Amino acid sequence: MLLHVHAKPRVTIYTITAKAFLIPAITLHAVCFQVPRAVRCEAGRGFPPERPKTMKFCPNCNFILYPKEDKDERKLVYYCRSPRCDHEEDAPDPYVFRNQVIKTRTVNLDHVLSAVANDPTLQRSTADCPLCHYHEAVLIQSTQNVKSNKLTLIFVCCNPNCGHKWTDDDP
């Protein structure tokens, strides 16, 4: 990686990880830096707000800053674990990691044929049909969509007069 540093006021130099995340490496007295095939960042402009969370470093000793809760003021702060430094700073966001779960559309049961109940190679379940209360159903595993990692269980009633289809998400 090539860095071109200009001798002007202070800026942080970033290293690029294997997954192309920018992580602050050191702070030098420079105005801008340039990475091959990357965007030039000038002092004061910063990065777009959708950038990933990065590691923070102590401005005094360059140790990693660790998050902790300030229980008295009920806020998140970053602190330095160095024995010779007691630096603390307020966190810009009230969270360290955010896991946002979004439920997407449900499985379209119209594409599942009721005739799968007659297939002897499919897995059977003792789940009761919510419509006719029959005690046996065929079990099929399906994803909700192409990008989803969540498996949905599809049940098909084995009662020849019913053939009702439901999922494990149904109430």
C-alpha atoms as a PDB file:
ATOM      1  CA  MET A   1       0.000   0.000   0.000  1.00  0.00           C
ATOM      2  CA  LEU A   2       1.388   3.422  -0.938  1.00  0.00           C
ATOM      3  CA  LEU A   3       0.774   6.452   1.233  1.00  0.00           C
ATOM      4  CA  HIS A   4       1.563   9.970   0.095  1.00  0.00           C
ATOM      5  CA  VAL A   5       1.806  12.239   3.125  1.00  0.00           C
ATOM      6  CA  HIS A   6       1.917  16.026   2.834  1.00  0.00           C
ATOM      7  CA  ALA A   7       3.503  18.065   5.620  1.00  0.00           C
ATOM      8  CA  LYS A   8       0.614  20.194   6.902  1.00  0.00           C
ATOM      9  CA  PRO A   9      -1.756  19.999   9.919  1.00  0.00           C
ATOM     10  CA  ARG A  10      -2.688  16.689  11.550  1.00  0.00           C
ATOM     11  CA  VAL A  11      -4.662  13.773  10.015  1.00  0.00           C
ATOM     12  CA  THR A  12      -5.075  10.062  10.739  1.00  0.00           C
ATOM     13  CA  ILE A  13      -3.581   7.522   8.339  1.00  0.00           C
ATOM     14  CA  TYR A  14      -5.758   4.478   7.759  1.00  0.00           C
ATOM     15  CA  THR A  15      -4.778   0.934   6.898  1.00  0.00           C
ATOM     16  CA  ILE A  16      -6.924  -1.244   4.659  1.00  0.00           C
ATOM     17  CA  THR A  17      -7.830  -4.656   6.064  1.00  0.00           C
ATOM     18  CA  ALA A  18      -8.502  -7.816   4.048  1.00  0.00           C
ATOM     19  CA  LYS A  19     -12.201  -6.955   3.870  1.00  0.00           C
ATOM     20  CA  ALA A  20     -11.514  -3.359   2.751  1.00  0.00           C
ATOM     21  CA  PHE A  21     -12.429  -1.730   6.062  1.00  0.00           C
ATOM     22  CA  LEU A  22     -10.479   1.376   6.985  1.00  0.00           C
ATOM     23  CA  ILE A  23      -8.907   1.160  10.438  1.00  0.00           C
ATOM     24  CA  PRO A  24      -6.926   4.030  11.995  1.00  0.00           C
ATOM     25  CA  ALA A  25      -3.282   2.990  12.240  1.00  0.00           C
ATOM     26  CA  ILE A  26      -1.356   6.082  13.330  1.00  0.00           C
ATOM     27  CA  THR A  27      -1.836   9.824  13.512  1.00  0.00           C
ATOM     28  CA  LEU A  28       0.698  12.032  11.746  1.00  0.00           C
ATOM     29  CA  HIS A  29       0.979  15.700  10.996  1.00  0.00           C
ATOM     30  CA  ALA A  30      -0.355  15.715   7.440  1.00  0.00           C
ATOM     31  CA  VAL A  31      -3.319  17.043   5.471  1.00  0.00           C
ATOM     32  CA  CYS A  32      -4.290  14.169   3.230  1.00  0.00           C
ATOM     33  CA  PHE A  33      -3.297  10.718   2.155  1.00  0.00           C
ATOM     34  CA  GLN A  34      -3.758   8.714  -0.984  1.00  0.00           C
ATOM     35  CA  VAL A  35      -4.173   4.979  -1.474  1.00  0.00           C
ATOM     36  CA  PRO A  36      -3.993   3.516  -4.992  1.00  0.00           C
ATOM     37  CA  ARG A  37      -7.475   3.324  -6.530  1.00  0.00           C
ATOM     38  CA  ALA A  38      -9.006   4.932  -3.433  1.00  0.00           C
ATOM     39  CA  VAL A  39     -10.704   8.226  -2.765  1.00  0.00           C
ATOM     40  CA  ARG A  40      -8.516  11.063  -1.526  1.00  0.00           C
ATOM     41  CA  CYS A  41      -9.782  12.292   1.858  1.00  0.00           C
ATOM     42  CA  GLU A  42      -9.040  15.825   2.914  1.00  0.00           C
ATOM     43  CA  ALA A  43      -8.938  16.996   6.523  1.00  0.00           C
ATOM     44  CA  GLY A  44     -12.346  18.014   7.822  1.00  0.00           C
ATOM     45  CA  ARG A  45     -14.373  16.128   5.199  1.00  0.00           C
ATOM     46  CA  GLY A  46     -14.204  12.697   6.827  1.00  0.00           C
ATOM     47  CA  PHE A  47     -15.965   9.582   5.620  1.00  0.00           C
ATOM     48  CA  PRO A  48     -19.625   9.031   4.779  1.00  0.00           C
ATOM     49  CA  PRO A  49     -21.881   8.242   7.766  1.00  0.00           C
ATOM     50  CA  GLU A  50     -22.545   4.667   6.576  1.00  0.00           C
ATOM     51  CA  ARG A  51     -18.935   3.607   7.213  1.00  0.00           C
ATOM     52  CA  PRO A  52     -18.456   0.580   9.481  1.00  0.00           C
ATOM     53  CA  LYS A  53     -17.517   0.908  13.134  1.00  0.00           C
ATOM     54  CA  THR A  54     -13.749   1.033  13.513  1.00  0.00           C
ATOM     55  CA  MET A  55     -11.331   0.642  16.381  1.00  0.00           C
ATOM     56  CA  LYS A  56     -10.541   3.734  18.413  1.00  0.00           C
ATOM     57  CA  PHE A  57      -7.091   4.582  19.729  1.00  0.00           C
ATOM     58  CA  CYS A  58      -5.973   6.663  22.688  1.00  0.00           C
ATOM     59  CA  PRO A  59      -4.622  10.074  21.590  1.00  0.00           C
ATOM     60  CA  ASN A  60      -2.078  10.020  24.469  1.00  0.00           C
ATOM     61  CA  CYS A  61      -0.483   6.546  24.294  1.00  0.00           C
ATOM     62  CA  ASN A  62      -1.951   4.927  21.114  1.00  0.00           C
ATOM     63  CA  PHE A  63      -3.441   1.961  23.027  1.00  0.00           C
ATOM     64  CA  ILE A  64      -6.832   0.644  21.874  1.00  0.00           C
ATOM     65  CA  LEU A  65      -9.813   2.338  23.532  1.00  0.00           C
ATOM     66  CA  TYR A  66     -12.350  -0.120  24.972  1.00  0.00           C
ATOM     67  CA  PRO A  67     -16.071   0.573  25.452  1.00  0.00           C
ATOM     68  CA  LYS A  68     -17.688   0.566  28.884  1.00  0.00           C
ATOM     69  CA  GLU A  69     -20.843   1.901  30.464  1.00  0.00           C
ATOM     70  CA  ASP A  70     -20.702   4.927  32.729  1.00  0.00           C
ATOM     71  CA  LYS A  71     -23.362   3.772  35.194  1.00  0.00           C
ATOM     72  CA  ASP A  72     -23.666   7.145  36.946  1.00  0.00           C
ATOM     73  CA  GLU A  73     -24.454   9.097  33.779  1.00  0.00           C
ATOM     74  CA  ARG A  74     -25.947   6.101  31.904  1.00  0.00           C
ATOM     75  CA  LYS A  75     -23.896   6.557  28.751  1.00  0.00           C
ATOM     76  CA  LEU A  76     -21.269   4.716  26.737  1.00  0.00           C
ATOM     77  CA  VAL A  77     -17.633   5.826  27.042  1.00  0.00           C
ATOM     78  CA  TYR A  78     -14.339   4.604  25.612  1.00  0.00           C
ATOM     79  CA  TYR A  79     -11.422   4.187  28.043  1.00  0.00           C
ATOM     80  CA  CYS A  80      -7.727   3.350  27.805  1.00  0.00           C
ATOM     81  CA  ARG A  81      -6.421   0.241  29.616  1.00  0.00           C
ATOM     82  CA  SER A  82      -2.835   1.447  29.692  1.00  0.00           C
ATOM     83  CA  PRO A  83      -1.484   1.550  33.285  1.00  0.00           C
ATOM     84  CA  ARG A  84       0.106   4.967  32.698  1.00  0.00           C
ATOM     85  CA  CYS A  85      -2.917   6.586  31.034  1.00  0.00           C
ATOM     86  CA  ASP A  86      -6.432   7.319  32.302  1.00  0.00           C
ATOM     87  CA  HIS A  87      -7.923   8.751  29.113  1.00  0.00           C
ATOM     88  CA  GLU A  88     -11.722   8.494  28.657  1.00  0.00           C
ATOM     89  CA  GLU A  89     -13.955   9.922  25.952  1.00  0.00           C
ATOM     90  CA  ASP A  90     -17.676   9.869  25.251  1.00  0.00           C
ATOM     91  CA  ALA A  91     -18.865   7.537  22.515  1.00  0.00           C
ATOM     92  CA  PRO A  92     -20.506   9.270  19.537  1.00  0.00           C
ATOM     93  CA  ASP A  93     -23.157   6.520  19.310  1.00  0.00           C
ATOM     94  CA  PRO A  94     -25.072   4.887  22.197  1.00  0.00           C
ATOM     95  CA  TYR A  95     -24.138   1.390  20.973  1.00  0.00           C
ATOM     96  CA  VAL A  96     -21.018  -0.584  20.063  1.00  0.00           C
ATOM     97  CA  PHE A  97     -22.676  -3.191  17.858  1.00  0.00           C
ATOM     98  CA  ARG A  98     -26.120  -3.138  16.294  1.00  0.00           C
ATOM     99  CA  ASN A  99     -27.847  -6.271  15.049  1.00  0.00           C
ATOM    100  CA  GLN A 100     -30.930  -5.267  13.114  1.00  0.00           C
ATOM    101  CA  VAL A 101     -33.279  -8.142  12.301  1.00  0.00           C
ATOM    102  CA  ILE A 102     -35.794  -7.412   9.582  1.00  0.00           C
ATOM    103  CA  LYS A 103     -38.514  -9.919   8.798  1.00  0.00           C
ATOM    104  CA  THR A 104     -38.976 -10.092   5.068  1.00  0.00           C
ATOM    105  CA  ARG A 105     -41.885 -11.475   3.135  1.00  0.00           C
ATOM    106  CA  THR A 106     -43.245 -14.890   4.017  1.00  0.00           C
ATOM    107  CA  VAL A 107     -43.021 -18.053   1.948  1.00  0.00           C
ATOM    108  CA  ASN A 108     -45.609 -18.332  -0.820  1.00  0.00           C
ATOM    109  CA  LEU A 109     -47.438 -21.575   0.002  1.00  0.00           C
ATOM    110  CA  ASP A 110     -49.249 -21.600  -3.351  1.00  0.00           C
ATOM    111  CA  HIS A 111     -46.105 -23.013  -4.979  1.00  0.00           C
ATOM    112  CA  VAL A 112     -46.137 -26.056  -2.674  1.00  0.00           C
ATOM    113  CA  LEU A 113     -48.320 -28.826  -4.074  1.00  0.00           C
ATOM    114  CA  SER A 114     -50.608 -30.756  -1.727  1.00  0.00           C
ATOM    115  CA  ALA A 115     -49.544 -33.936  -3.542  1.00  0.00           C
ATOM    116  CA  VAL A 116     -46.224 -33.892  -1.646  1.00  0.00           C
ATOM    117  CA  ALA A 117     -48.131 -35.521   1.226  1.00  0.00           C
ATOM    118  CA  ASN A 118     -48.090 -38.756  -0.824  1.00  0.00           C
ATOM    119  CA  ASP A 119     -44.297 -38.709  -1.322  1.00  0.00           C
ATOM    120  CA  PRO A 120     -42.786 -41.452   0.908  1.00  0.00           C
ATOM    121  CA  THR A 121     -39.260 -39.980   0.656  1.00  0.00           C
ATOM    122  CA  LEU A 122     -40.124 -36.743   2.473  1.00  0.00           C
ATOM    123  CA  GLN A 123     -39.707 -36.295   6.208  1.00  0.00           C
ATOM    124  CA  ARG A 124     -42.840 -36.838   8.331  1.00  0.00           C
ATOM    125  CA  SER A 125     -43.881 -34.961  11.454  1.00  0.00           C
ATOM    126  CA  THR A 126     -46.457 -35.594  14.176  1.00  0.00           C
ATOM    127  CA  ALA A 127     -47.605 -31.963  14.024  1.00  0.00           C
ATOM    128  CA  ASP A 128     -51.366 -31.495  14.246  1.00  0.00           C
ATOM    129  CA  CYS A 129     -53.060 -29.782  11.322  1.00  0.00           C
ATOM    130  CA  PRO A 130     -54.631 -26.497  12.486  1.00  0.00           C
ATOM    131  CA  LEU A 131     -57.571 -27.049  10.101  1.00  0.00           C
ATOM    132  CA  CYS A 132     -58.597 -30.708  10.498  1.00  0.00           C
ATOM    133  CA  HIS A 133     -56.430 -31.687  13.537  1.00  0.00           C
ATOM    134  CA  TYR A 134     -54.956 -34.684  11.675  1.00  0.00           C
ATOM    135  CA  HIS A 135     -51.893 -36.020  13.514  1.00  0.00           C
ATOM    136  CA  GLU A 136     -49.423 -36.356  10.592  1.00  0.00           C
ATOM    137  CA  ALA A 137     -47.817 -33.856   8.216  1.00  0.00           C
ATOM    138  CA  VAL A 138     -45.022 -33.791   5.643  1.00  0.00           C
ATOM    139  CA  LEU A 139     -42.152 -31.488   6.561  1.00  0.00           C
ATOM    140  CA  ILE A 140     -40.294 -29.385   3.950  1.00  0.00           C
ATOM    141  CA  GLN A 141     -37.481 -26.904   4.649  1.00  0.00           C
ATOM    142  CA  SER A 142     -37.358 -23.738   2.580  1.00  0.00           C
ATOM    143  CA  THR A 143     -35.657 -20.337   2.670  1.00  0.00           C
ATOM    144  CA  GLN A 144     -37.805 -17.219   2.531  1.00  0.00           C
ATOM    145  CA  ASN A 145     -35.912 -15.732  -0.398  1.00  0.00           C
ATOM    146  CA  VAL A 146     -32.573 -16.050  -2.161  1.00  0.00           C
ATOM    147  CA  LYS A 147     -30.708 -13.655   0.180  1.00  0.00           C
ATOM    148  CA  SER A 148     -32.219 -15.032   3.393  1.00  0.00           C
ATOM    149  CA  ASN A 149     -30.332 -17.298   5.769  1.00  0.00           C
ATOM    150  CA  LYS A 150     -33.455 -18.198   7.751  1.00  0.00           C
ATOM    151  CA  LEU A 151     -34.990 -21.607   7.162  1.00  0.00           C
ATOM    152  CA  THR A 152     -38.751 -21.882   7.235  1.00  0.00           C
ATOM    153  CA  LEU A 153     -40.479 -25.186   7.925  1.00  0.00           C
ATOM    154  CA  ILE A 154     -43.448 -25.877   5.652  1.00  0.00           C
ATOM    155  CA  PHE A 155     -45.978 -28.456   6.815  1.00  0.00           C
ATOM    156  CA  VAL A 156     -48.460 -30.199   4.500  1.00  0.00           C
ATOM    157  CA  CYS A 157     -51.306 -32.155   6.103  1.00  0.00           C
ATOM    158  CA  CYS A 158     -51.284 -35.871   5.173  1.00  0.00           C
ATOM    159  CA  ASN A 159     -55.083 -36.181   5.454  1.00  0.00           C
ATOM    160  CA  PRO A 160     -56.215 -36.942   1.854  1.00  0.00           C
ATOM    161  CA  ASN A 161     -59.376 -34.844   2.363  1.00  0.00           C
ATOM    162  CA  CYS A 162     -57.501 -31.797   3.732  1.00  0.00           C
ATOM    163  CA  GLY A 163     -54.051 -31.059   2.206  1.00  0.00           C
ATOM    164  CA  HIS A 164     -53.739 -27.848   4.264  1.00  0.00           C
ATOM    165  CA  LYS A 165     -50.326 -26.080   4.150  1.00  0.00           C
ATOM    166  CA  TRP A 166     -48.831 -23.965   6.950  1.00  0.00           C
ATOM    167  CA  THR A 167     -45.442 -22.763   8.184  1.00  0.00           C
ATOM    168  CA  ASP A 168     -43.746 -22.813  11.567  1.00  0.00           C
ATOM    169  CA  ASP A 169     -44.114 -18.993  11.663  1.00  0.00           C
ATOM    170  CA  ASP A 170     -47.917 -19.187  11.564  1.00  0.00           C
ATOM    171  CA  PRO A 171     -49.588 -18.519  14.940  1.00  0.00           C
END
